[in-house]
C-alpha atoms as a PDB file:
ATOM      1  CA  MET A   1       0.126   0.396   0.055  1.00  0.00           C
ATOM      2  CA  ARG A   2       2.931   2.379   0.602  1.00  0.00           C
ATOM      3  CA  LEU A   3       4.641   1.742  -2.487  1.00  0.00           C
ATOM      4  CA  ILE A   4       1.186   2.494  -4.360  1.00  0.00           C
ATOM      5  CA  PHE A   5       1.382   5.597  -2.199  1.00  0.00           C
ATOM      6  CA  LEU A   6       4.609   6.804  -3.367  1.00  0.00           C
ATOM      7  CA  LEU A   7       4.135   5.610  -7.225  1.00  0.00           C
ATOM      8  CA  PHE A   8       0.939   7.840  -6.972  1.00  0.00           C
ATOM      9  CA  CYS A   9       2.932  10.652  -5.717  1.00  0.00           C
ATOM     10  CA  LEU A  10       5.895  10.558  -8.238  1.00  0.00           C
ATOM     11  CA  PHE A  11       3.034  10.236 -11.140  1.00  0.00           C
ATOM     12  CA  GLY A  12       1.115  13.116  -9.831  1.00  0.00           C
ATOM     13  CA  THR A  13       4.489  15.321  -9.294  1.00  0.00           C
ATOM     14  CA  SER A  14       5.487  14.581 -13.334  1.00  0.00           C
ATOM     15  CA  ALA A  15       2.110  15.296 -14.375  1.00  0.00           C
ATOM     16  CA  GLN A  16       2.044  18.986 -12.930  1.00  0.00           C
ATOM     17  CA  ALA A  17       5.124  19.554 -14.789  1.00  0.00           C
ATOM     18  CA  ALA A  18       3.696  22.534 -17.160  1.00  0.00           C
ATOM     19  CA  PRO A  19       4.535  26.050 -15.702  1.00  0.00           C
ATOM     20  CA  ARG A  20       1.723  28.346 -14.647  1.00  0.00           C
ATOM     21  CA  VAL A  21       2.708  31.735 -16.800  1.00  0.00           C
ATOM     22  CA  VAL A  22       1.062  34.854 -16.784  1.00  0.00           C
ATOM     23  CA  THR A  23       1.650  37.395 -19.737  1.00  0.00           C
ATOM     24  CA  SER A  24       0.457  40.882 -19.283  1.00  0.00           C
ATOM     25  CA  ILE A  25      -1.071  41.888 -22.763  1.00  0.00           C
ATOM     26  CA  ALA A  26      -2.703  39.860 -25.683  1.00  0.00           C
ATOM     27  CA  PRO A  27       0.042  40.201 -28.573  1.00  0.00           C
ATOM     28  CA  LEU A  28       2.556  38.632 -25.563  1.00  0.00           C
ATOM     29  CA  HIS A  29      -0.108  36.185 -24.795  1.00  0.00           C
ATOM     30  CA  GLU A  30      -0.125  34.869 -28.484  1.00  0.00           C
ATOM     31  CA  ILE A  31       3.326  34.922 -28.465  1.00  0.00           C
ATOM     32  CA  THR A  32       3.982  32.426 -25.625  1.00  0.00           C
ATOM     33  CA  SER A  33       0.636  30.575 -26.551  1.00  0.00           C
ATOM     34  CA  SER A  34       2.250  29.474 -29.463  1.00  0.00           C
ATOM     35  CA  ILE A  35       5.909  28.173 -27.918  1.00  0.00           C
ATOM     36  CA  MET A  36       3.933  26.465 -25.332  1.00  0.00           C
ATOM     37  CA  SER A  37       1.222  24.875 -27.978  1.00  0.00           C
ATOM     38  CA  GLY A  38       0.555  21.387 -26.765  1.00  0.00           C
ATOM     39  CA  VAL A  39       1.742  21.601 -23.301  1.00  0.00           C
ATOM     40  CA  ALA A  40      -0.256  24.466 -21.578  1.00  0.00           C
ATOM     41  CA  VAL A  41      -2.086  27.790 -22.305  1.00  0.00           C
ATOM     42  CA  PRO A  42      -0.839  30.559 -20.177  1.00  0.00           C
ATOM     43  CA  ASP A  43      -3.005  33.223 -18.703  1.00  0.00           C
ATOM     44  CA  LEU A  44      -3.707  37.180 -19.697  1.00  0.00           C
ATOM     45  CA  ILE A  45      -4.390  39.930 -17.268  1.00  0.00           C
ATOM     46  CA  ILE A  46      -4.898  42.870 -19.676  1.00  0.00           C
ATOM     47  CA  ARG A  47      -8.269  41.710 -21.832  1.00  0.00           C
ATOM     48  CA  GLY A  48     -10.499  43.080 -24.462  1.00  0.00           C
ATOM     49  CA  THR A  49      -9.675  47.086 -24.881  1.00  0.00           C
ATOM     50  CA  ALA A  50      -8.309  47.900 -21.423  1.00  0.00           C
ATOM     51  CA  SER A  51      -5.157  49.824 -22.376  1.00  0.00           C
ATOM     52  CA  PRO A  52      -2.275  48.535 -20.927  1.00  0.00           C
ATOM     53  CA  HIS A  53      -0.971  52.271 -20.257  1.00  0.00           C
ATOM     54  CA  HIS A  54      -4.103  52.950 -17.655  1.00  0.00           C
ATOM     55  CA  PHE A  55      -4.505  49.992 -15.902  1.00  0.00           C
ATOM     56  CA  ALA A  56      -4.404  49.122 -12.652  1.00  0.00           C
ATOM     57  CA  PHE A  57      -4.591  45.542 -10.691  1.00  0.00           C
ATOM     58  CA  ARG A  58      -7.965  44.021  -9.346  1.00  0.00           C
ATOM     59  CA  PRO A  59      -7.565  41.180  -6.547  1.00  0.00           C
ATOM     60  CA  SER A  60      -7.969  38.709  -9.202  1.00  0.00           C
ATOM     61  CA  HIS A  61      -5.248  39.539 -10.893  1.00  0.00           C
ATOM     62  CA  MET A  62      -3.132  39.735  -7.656  1.00  0.00           C
ATOM     63  CA  ARG A  63      -4.211  36.328  -7.124  1.00  0.00           C
ATOM     64  CA  LEU A  64      -3.049  34.911 -10.664  1.00  0.00           C
ATOM     65  CA  LEU A  65       0.236  36.548 -10.424  1.00  0.00           C
ATOM     66  CA  GLN A  66       1.101  34.914  -6.786  1.00  0.00           C
ATOM     67  CA  ARG A  67       0.437  31.567  -8.342  1.00  0.00           C
ATOM     68  CA  ALA A  68       2.377  31.935 -11.340  1.00  0.00           C
ATOM     69  CA  ASP A  69       5.788  30.427 -12.129  1.00  0.00           C
ATOM     70  CA  LEU A  70       6.799  32.696 -14.646  1.00  0.00           C
ATOM     71  CA  VAL A  71       5.340  36.583 -15.437  1.00  0.00           C
ATOM     72  CA  ILE A  72       6.238  38.184 -18.948  1.00  0.00           C
ATOM     73  CA  TRP A  73       5.577  41.847 -19.574  1.00  0.00           C
ATOM     74  CA  ILE A  74       6.671  44.621 -21.670  1.00  0.00           C
ATOM     75  CA  ASP A  75       8.087  46.914 -18.877  1.00  0.00           C
ATOM     76  CA  ARG A  76       6.992  49.257 -15.931  1.00  0.00           C
ATOM     77  CA  ASN A  77       6.549  52.411 -18.526  1.00  0.00           C
ATOM     78  CA  PHE A  78       4.333  50.767 -20.856  1.00  0.00           C
ATOM     79  CA  GLU A  79       1.858  48.640 -18.821  1.00  0.00           C
ATOM     80  CA  SER A  80       0.780  50.917 -15.600  1.00  0.00           C
ATOM     81  CA  GLY A  81       0.439  48.972 -12.705  1.00  0.00           C
ATOM     82  CA  PHE A  82       3.141  46.444 -13.312  1.00  0.00           C
ATOM     83  CA  SER A  83       6.053  48.780 -11.356  1.00  0.00           C
ATOM     84  CA  ARG A  84       4.773  46.978  -8.301  1.00  0.00           C
ATOM     85  CA  LEU A  85       5.341  43.501  -9.583  1.00  0.00           C
ATOM     86  CA  ALA A  86       8.276  43.029  -7.352  1.00  0.00           C
ATOM     87  CA  ASP A  87       6.360  43.836  -4.344  1.00  0.00           C
ATOM     88  CA  ILE A  88       3.883  41.607  -5.730  1.00  0.00           C
ATOM     89  CA  LEU A  89       5.237  38.481  -6.612  1.00  0.00           C
ATOM     90  CA  PRO A  90       6.905  35.575  -4.595  1.00  0.00           C
ATOM     91  CA  ARG A  91      10.390  35.395  -4.712  1.00  0.00           C
ATOM     92  CA  SER A  92      10.321  32.126  -6.382  1.00  0.00           C
ATOM     93  CA  THR A  93       8.268  33.256  -9.440  1.00  0.00           C
ATOM     94  CA  LEU A  94      10.249  34.748 -12.431  1.00  0.00           C
ATOM     95  CA  SER A  95       9.610  37.650 -14.321  1.00  0.00           C
ATOM     96  CA  LEU A  96      10.947  38.624 -17.579  1.00  0.00           C
ATOM     97  CA  GLU A  97      10.623  42.273 -18.485  1.00  0.00           C
ATOM     98  CA  LEU A  98      11.337  42.346 -22.116  1.00  0.00           C
ATOM     99  CA  LEU A  99      12.045  45.796 -23.458  1.00  0.00           C
ATOM    100  CA  PRO A 100      14.893  46.461 -21.440  1.00  0.00           C
ATOM    101  CA  ARG A 101      16.385  43.293 -22.774  1.00  0.00           C
ATOM    102  CA  LEU A 102      15.490  43.992 -26.203  1.00  0.00           C
ATOM    103  CA  ALA A 103      15.345  47.824 -26.941  1.00  0.00           C
ATOM    104  CA  PRO A 104      18.082  49.702 -24.580  1.00  0.00           C
ATOM    105  CA  ASP A 105      16.389  52.835 -25.526  1.00  0.00           C
ATOM    106  CA  ARG A 106      12.975  52.092 -24.432  1.00  0.00           C
ATOM    107  CA  LEU A 107      11.418  54.119 -26.875  1.00  0.00           C
ATOM    108  CA  ASP A 108       8.693  52.106 -28.081  1.00  0.00           C
ATOM    109  CA  GLY A 109       6.971  49.063 -26.028  1.00  0.00           C
ATOM    110  CA  HIS A 110       5.272  47.669 -29.389  1.00  0.00           C
ATOM    111  CA  ILE A 111       8.005  45.242 -30.069  1.00  0.00           C
ATOM    112  CA  TRP A 112       5.759  42.939 -31.475  1.00  0.00           C
ATOM    113  CA  TYR A 113       5.457  44.994 -34.933  1.00  0.00           C
ATOM    114  CA  SER A 114       9.216  44.436 -35.511  1.00  0.00           C
ATOM    115  CA  PRO A 115      10.174  40.767 -36.301  1.00  0.00           C
ATOM    116  CA  ARG A 116      13.625  41.272 -35.231  1.00  0.00           C
ATOM    117  CA  LEU A 117      12.681  42.187 -31.694  1.00  0.00           C
ATOM    118  CA  THR A 118       9.993  39.683 -31.580  1.00  0.00           C
ATOM    119  CA  GLN A 119      12.105  36.910 -32.404  1.00  0.00           C
ATOM    120  CA  LYS A 120      14.808  37.838 -29.564  1.00  0.00           C
ATOM    121  CA  ALA A 121      11.485  38.156 -27.297  1.00  0.00           C
ATOM    122  CA  ILE A 122      10.699  34.435 -28.639  1.00  0.00           C
ATOM    123  CA  GLU A 123      14.353  33.457 -27.560  1.00  0.00           C
ATOM    124  CA  LEU A 124      13.927  34.987 -23.880  1.00  0.00           C
ATOM    125  CA  ILE A 125      10.617  33.490 -23.382  1.00  0.00           C
ATOM    126  CA  LEU A 126      12.138  30.046 -24.709  1.00  0.00           C
ATOM    127  CA  VAL A 127      15.087  30.042 -22.088  1.00  0.00           C
ATOM    128  CA  SER A 128      12.702  31.161 -19.261  1.00  0.00           C
ATOM    129  CA  LEU A 129      10.542  28.347 -20.212  1.00  0.00           C
ATOM    130  CA  ILE A 130      13.067  25.634 -20.537  1.00  0.00           C
ATOM    131  CA  GLN A 131      14.762  26.794 -17.330  1.00  0.00           C
ATOM    132  CA  LEU A 132      11.355  25.918 -15.503  1.00  0.00           C
ATOM    133  CA  ASP A 133      10.364  22.964 -17.288  1.00  0.00           C
ATOM    134  CA  PRO A 134      13.024  21.054 -19.015  1.00  0.00           C
ATOM    135  CA  ASP A 135      10.780  18.101 -19.631  1.00  0.00           C
ATOM    136  CA  ASN A 136       9.082  19.754 -22.226  1.00  0.00           C
ATOM    137  CA  GLN A 137      12.144  21.497 -23.690  1.00  0.00           C
ATOM    138  CA  SER A 138      11.768  19.498 -27.320  1.00  0.00           C
ATOM    139  CA  SER A 139       8.059  20.742 -27.474  1.00  0.00           C
ATOM    140  CA  TYR A 140       8.825  24.573 -26.476  1.00  0.00           C
ATOM    141  CA  SER A 141      11.881  24.456 -28.946  1.00  0.00           C
ATOM    142  CA  SER A 142      10.369  23.066 -32.116  1.00  0.00           C
ATOM    143  CA  ASN A 143       6.867  25.466 -31.643  1.00  0.00           C
ATOM    144  CA  ALA A 144       9.469  28.582 -31.232  1.00  0.00           C
ATOM    145  CA  ARG A 145      11.627  27.523 -34.320  1.00  0.00           C
ATOM    146  CA  LYS A 146       8.346  27.293 -36.216  1.00  0.00           C
ATOM    147  CA  LEU A 147       7.430  30.676 -35.288  1.00  0.00           C
ATOM    148  CA  LEU A 148      10.711  32.456 -35.820  1.00  0.00           C
ATOM    149  CA  THR A 149      10.579  30.570 -39.278  1.00  0.00           C
ATOM    150  CA  ARG A 150       7.008  32.174 -39.994  1.00  0.00           C
ATOM    151  CA  LEU A 151       8.260  35.487 -38.573  1.00  0.00           C
ATOM    152  CA  THR A 152      11.410  35.728 -41.028  1.00  0.00           C
ATOM    153  CA  ASN A 153       8.982  34.781 -43.928  1.00  0.00           C
ATOM    154  CA  TRP A 154       6.740  37.601 -43.198  1.00  0.00           C
ATOM    155  CA  ARG A 155       9.555  39.721 -42.561  1.00  0.00           C
ATOM    156  CA  GLN A 156      10.991  39.374 -45.948  1.00  0.00           C
ATOM    157  CA  GLU A 157       7.218  39.115 -47.821  1.00  0.00           C
ATOM    158  CA  THR A 158       7.002  42.639 -46.231  1.00  0.00           C
ATOM    159  CA  LYS A 159      10.234  44.147 -47.243  1.00  0.00           C
ATOM    160  CA  ILE A 160       9.812  43.302 -50.696  1.00  0.00           C
ATOM    161  CA  GLN A 161       6.235  45.243 -50.808  1.00  0.00           C
ATOM    162  CA  LEU A 162       7.901  48.173 -48.817  1.00  0.00           C
ATOM    163  CA  ASP A 163      10.491  48.342 -51.226  1.00  0.00           C
ATOM    164  CA  ALA A 164       8.500  48.603 -53.983  1.00  0.00           C
ATOM    165  CA  GLU A 165       6.536  51.417 -52.498  1.00  0.00           C
ATOM    166  CA  ILE A 166       6.450  52.916 -49.229  1.00  0.00           C
ATOM    167  CA  PRO A 167       2.639  54.039 -48.297  1.00  0.00           C
ATOM    168  CA  GLY A 168       2.121  57.533 -46.888  1.00  0.00           C
ATOM    169  CA  PHE A 169       0.531  57.147 -43.910  1.00  0.00           C
ATOM    170  CA  ILE A 170       0.060  58.539 -39.777  1.00  0.00           C
ATOM    171  CA  THR A 171      -0.931  56.670 -36.746  1.00  0.00           C
ATOM    172  CA  ASP A 172      -3.634  57.468 -34.540  1.00  0.00           C
ATOM    173  CA  HIS A 173      -1.462  56.567 -31.271  1.00  0.00           C
ATOM    174  CA  ALA A 174       2.129  55.539 -31.649  1.00  0.00           C
ATOM    175  CA  PHE A 175       2.408  52.002 -32.042  1.00  0.00           C
ATOM    176  CA  LEU A 176       4.862  51.710 -35.009  1.00  0.00           C
ATOM    177  CA  GLY A 177       8.000  52.668 -33.942  1.00  0.00           C
ATOM    178  CA  GLN A 178       9.825  49.516 -33.728  1.00  0.00           C
ATOM    179  CA  PHE A 179       8.133  48.502 -36.781  1.00  0.00           C
ATOM    180  CA  THR A 180       9.469  51.485 -39.000  1.00  0.00           C
ATOM    181  CA  ARG A 181      12.929  51.070 -37.253  1.00  0.00           C
ATOM    182  CA  ASP A 182      13.085  47.653 -38.057  1.00  0.00           C
ATOM    183  CA  PHE A 183      12.615  48.115 -41.775  1.00  0.00           C
ATOM    184  CA  GLY A 184      14.810  51.415 -41.962  1.00  0.00           C
ATOM    185  CA  LEU A 185      11.480  53.790 -42.589  1.00  0.00           C
ATOM    186  CA  ASP A 186      11.387  57.210 -41.647  1.00  0.00           C
ATOM    187  CA  PRO A 187       9.328  57.358 -38.315  1.00  0.00           C
ATOM    188  CA  VAL A 188       5.637  58.018 -38.362  1.00  0.00           C
ATOM    189  CA  ILE A 189       3.905  61.031 -37.150  1.00  0.00           C
ATOM    190  CA  SER A 190       1.091  60.170 -34.641  1.00  0.00           C
ATOM    191  CA  VAL A 191      -1.792  62.269 -33.477  1.00  0.00           C
ATOM    192  CA  HIS A 192      -1.149  60.982 -29.942  1.00  0.00           C
ATOM    193  CA  ASN A 193       2.010  59.997 -28.235  1.00  0.00           C
ATOM    194  CA  ARG A 194       3.308  56.311 -26.712  1.00  0.00           C
ATOM    195  CA  GLN A 195       1.022  57.213 -23.586  1.00  0.00           C
ATOM    196  CA  ASP A 196      -2.287  58.223 -25.611  1.00  0.00           C
ATOM    197  CA  ASP A 197      -1.818  61.654 -24.824  1.00  0.00           C
ATOM    198  CA  TYR A 198      -2.220  64.546 -26.899  1.00  0.00           C
ATOM    199  CA  GLY A 199       0.277  67.388 -27.515  1.00  0.00           C
ATOM    200  CA  GLY A 200      -2.199  70.183 -27.677  1.00  0.00           C
ATOM    201  CA  LEU A 201      -2.984  72.992 -30.414  1.00  0.00           C
ATOM    202  CA  GLY A 202       0.790  73.800 -31.127  1.00  0.00           C
ATOM    203  CA  ASP A 203       1.229  69.762 -31.817  1.00  0.00           C
ATOM    204  CA  LEU A 204      -1.930  69.854 -34.135  1.00  0.00           C
ATOM    205  CA  GLY A 205      -0.639  72.718 -36.000  1.00  0.00           C
ATOM    206  CA  ARG A 206       2.411  70.258 -36.682  1.00  0.00           C
ATOM    207  CA  ILE A 207       0.380  67.256 -37.826  1.00  0.00           C
ATOM    208  CA  GLU A 208      -1.547  69.179 -40.254  1.00  0.00           C
ATOM    209  CA  THR A 209       1.153  70.580 -41.908  1.00  0.00           C
ATOM    210  CA  TYR A 210       2.879  67.133 -41.994  1.00  0.00           C
ATOM    211  CA  ILE A 211      -0.422  65.606 -43.693  1.00  0.00           C
ATOM    212  CA  ARG A 212      -0.598  68.501 -46.100  1.00  0.00           C
ATOM    213  CA  ASP A 213       2.649  68.683 -46.852  1.00  0.00           C
ATOM    214  CA  ASN A 214       2.952  64.811 -47.140  1.00  0.00           C
ATOM    215  CA  ARG A 215      -0.538  64.489 -49.057  1.00  0.00           C
ATOM    216  CA  ILE A 216      -1.150  62.002 -46.454  1.00  0.00           C
ATOM    217  CA  ARG A 217      -4.701  59.716 -47.409  1.00  0.00           C
ATOM    218  CA  CYS A 218      -4.238  56.596 -44.874  1.00  0.00           C
ATOM    219  CA  LEU A 219      -4.424  56.649 -40.905  1.00  0.00           C
ATOM    220  CA  MET A 220      -3.888  53.518 -38.888  1.00  0.00           C
ATOM    221  CA  THR A 221      -5.170  52.729 -35.195  1.00  0.00           C
ATOM    222  CA  ALA A 222      -4.628  49.952 -33.345  1.00  0.00           C
ATOM    223  CA  GLU A 223      -8.016  50.415 -31.351  1.00  0.00           C
ATOM    224  CA  PRO A 224     -11.574  49.573 -32.167  1.00  0.00           C
ATOM    225  CA  GLU A 225     -12.739  52.797 -32.273  1.00  0.00           C
ATOM    226  CA  PRO A 226     -10.485  55.904 -33.409  1.00  0.00           C
ATOM    227  CA  SER A 227     -10.165  58.627 -31.538  1.00  0.00           C
ATOM    228  CA  LYS A 228     -12.333  61.678 -31.951  1.00  0.00           C
ATOM    229  CA  LEU A 229      -9.207  63.971 -33.007  1.00  0.00           C
ATOM    230  CA  ALA A 230      -8.223  61.394 -35.685  1.00  0.00           C
ATOM    231  CA  LEU A 231     -11.728  61.040 -36.887  1.00  0.00           C
ATOM    232  CA  ASN A 232     -11.858  64.836 -37.514  1.00  0.00           C
ATOM    233  CA  LEU A 233      -8.557  64.774 -39.225  1.00  0.00           C
ATOM    234  CA  SER A 234      -9.632  62.444 -41.347  1.00  0.00           C
ATOM    235  CA  ASP A 235     -12.623  64.000 -42.592  1.00  0.00           C
ATOM    236  CA  LYS A 236     -11.015  67.404 -43.180  1.00  0.00           C
ATOM    237  CA  TYR A 237      -8.016  65.638 -44.856  1.00  0.00           C
ATOM    238  CA  HIS A 238     -10.160  62.899 -46.451  1.00  0.00           C
ATOM    239  CA  MET A 239      -8.065  60.486 -44.991  1.00  0.00           C
ATOM    240  CA  LYS A 240      -9.167  56.797 -45.252  1.00  0.00           C
ATOM    241  CA  ILE A 241      -8.856  54.816 -41.553  1.00  0.00           C
ATOM    242  CA  PHE A 242      -7.393  51.370 -41.528  1.00  0.00           C
ATOM    243  CA  LYS A 243      -7.993  49.641 -38.109  1.00  0.00           C
ATOM    244  CA  ILE A 244      -5.345  47.223 -37.034  1.00  0.00           C
ATOM    245  CA  VAL A 245      -7.510  45.715 -34.358  1.00  0.00           C
ATOM    246  CA  PRO A 246      -6.144  43.258 -31.950  1.00  0.00           C
ATOM    247  CA  GLN A 247      -7.684  39.398 -31.799  1.00  0.00           C
ATOM    248  CA  ALA A 248     -10.042  38.796 -29.270  1.00  0.00           C
ATOM    249  CA  ASP A 249      -8.727  37.213 -25.963  1.00  0.00           C
ATOM    250  CA  THR A 250      -7.626  33.331 -26.513  1.00  0.00           C
ATOM    251  CA  ALA A 251      -7.929  31.891 -23.494  1.00  0.00           C
ATOM    252  CA  GLY A 252      -9.925  28.613 -23.799  1.00  0.00           C
ATOM    253  CA  ILE A 253      -8.964  28.617 -27.357  1.00  0.00           C
ATOM    254  CA  ASP A 254      -7.001  25.325 -28.673  1.00  0.00           C
ATOM    255  CA  ALA A 255      -3.465  26.206 -28.491  1.00  0.00           C
ATOM    256  CA  ILE A 256      -3.102  25.300 -32.378  1.00  0.00           C
ATOM    257  CA  SER A 257      -5.464  27.868 -33.351  1.00  0.00           C
ATOM    258  CA  VAL A 258      -3.655  30.453 -30.749  1.00  0.00           C
ATOM    259  CA  GLY A 259      -0.386  29.876 -32.630  1.00  0.00           C
ATOM    260  CA  ASP A 260      -1.702  31.446 -35.710  1.00  0.00           C
ATOM    261  CA  SER A 261      -2.605  34.830 -33.576  1.00  0.00           C
ATOM    262  CA  ILE A 262       0.289  36.715 -33.715  1.00  0.00           C
ATOM    263  CA  LEU A 263       1.051  36.363 -37.408  1.00  0.00           C
ATOM    264  CA  ARG A 264      -2.416  37.278 -37.963  1.00  0.00           C
ATOM    265  CA  ARG A 265      -2.018  40.682 -36.519  1.00  0.00           C
ATOM    266  CA  LEU A 266       0.840  41.388 -38.449  1.00  0.00           C
ATOM    267  CA  GLU A 267      -0.836  40.280 -41.835  1.00  0.00           C
ATOM    268  CA  GLN A 268      -3.470  43.172 -41.052  1.00  0.00           C
ATOM    269  CA  LEU A 269      -1.018  45.287 -40.782  1.00  0.00           C
ATOM    270  CA  THR A 270       0.766  44.157 -43.965  1.00  0.00           C
ATOM    271  CA  THR A 271      -3.196  44.070 -45.773  1.00  0.00           C
ATOM    272  CA  ALA A 272      -3.580  47.628 -44.202  1.00  0.00           C
ATOM    273  CA  LEU A 273      -0.273  48.870 -45.825  1.00  0.00           C
ATOM    274  CA  ALA A 274      -1.259  47.526 -49.300  1.00  0.00           C
ATOM    275  CA  GLU A 275      -4.751  48.779 -49.115  1.00  0.00           C
ATOM    276  CA  CYS A 276      -3.398  51.945 -48.191  1.00  0.00           C
ATOM    277  CA  ARG A 277      -0.699  52.302 -50.972  1.00  0.00           C
ATOM    278  CA  ALA A 278      -3.597  51.132 -53.418  1.00  0.00           C
ATOM    279  CA  SER A 279      -5.854  54.456 -52.122  1.00  0.00           C
ATOM    280  CA  GLY A 280      -3.591  56.487 -53.193  1.00  0.00           C
END
């Protein structure tokens, strides 16, 4: 009887090998889900249309974080409230703050629109998962290789399109800074800055001058609904609005389909750029 009990304990220990992973925002959830496909699905803190820049933890989030083995986030300036993370997490929990390790300038937290930074993020997440769960190293590594290959292909195809013609556009909020750096493009002017703030009348004059001088005909937004100021500018200057709308929450969806989410997000951007080019 004692032998059966010991065997049961050993079996139970091996069966719960998958780490409990928590991600801050949907793009990181999509990337991590792809790497963990077939093993487990991570949890997501900031869901739906909630802005990471104006976010505070709820008691349910605190409980989720305190049970986590690994927490993955952008940085303390991008996800408001995450600066408190060190006071919330148990000492045994790994915290992977990506932006300081990927882009020392920390100018833009939207790393998932840069294939180069996304690939580096995949490698960092992979190392953390293997550290926590070496038994599933083979699955994590295989999934990561597949995602890295698909990102490489997407970057090559997108570069061909941009080399042919770069469409003129502005953004509602500053979310394509890492994208333009990755592809060697000139910086894109935005109606609002990285924290969703607006610079006032002086800034509006600069934006309108840029639109007129460059004959801008497209406005990109990553929000379900553009800001009022963006709508006013699009009406005034006859700009077409393209929504790069984040995918719906992926918790509970089969991990195989989840693995495609980050690529679908990037393909939305590619499609919008192609349609913007055609509309000019």
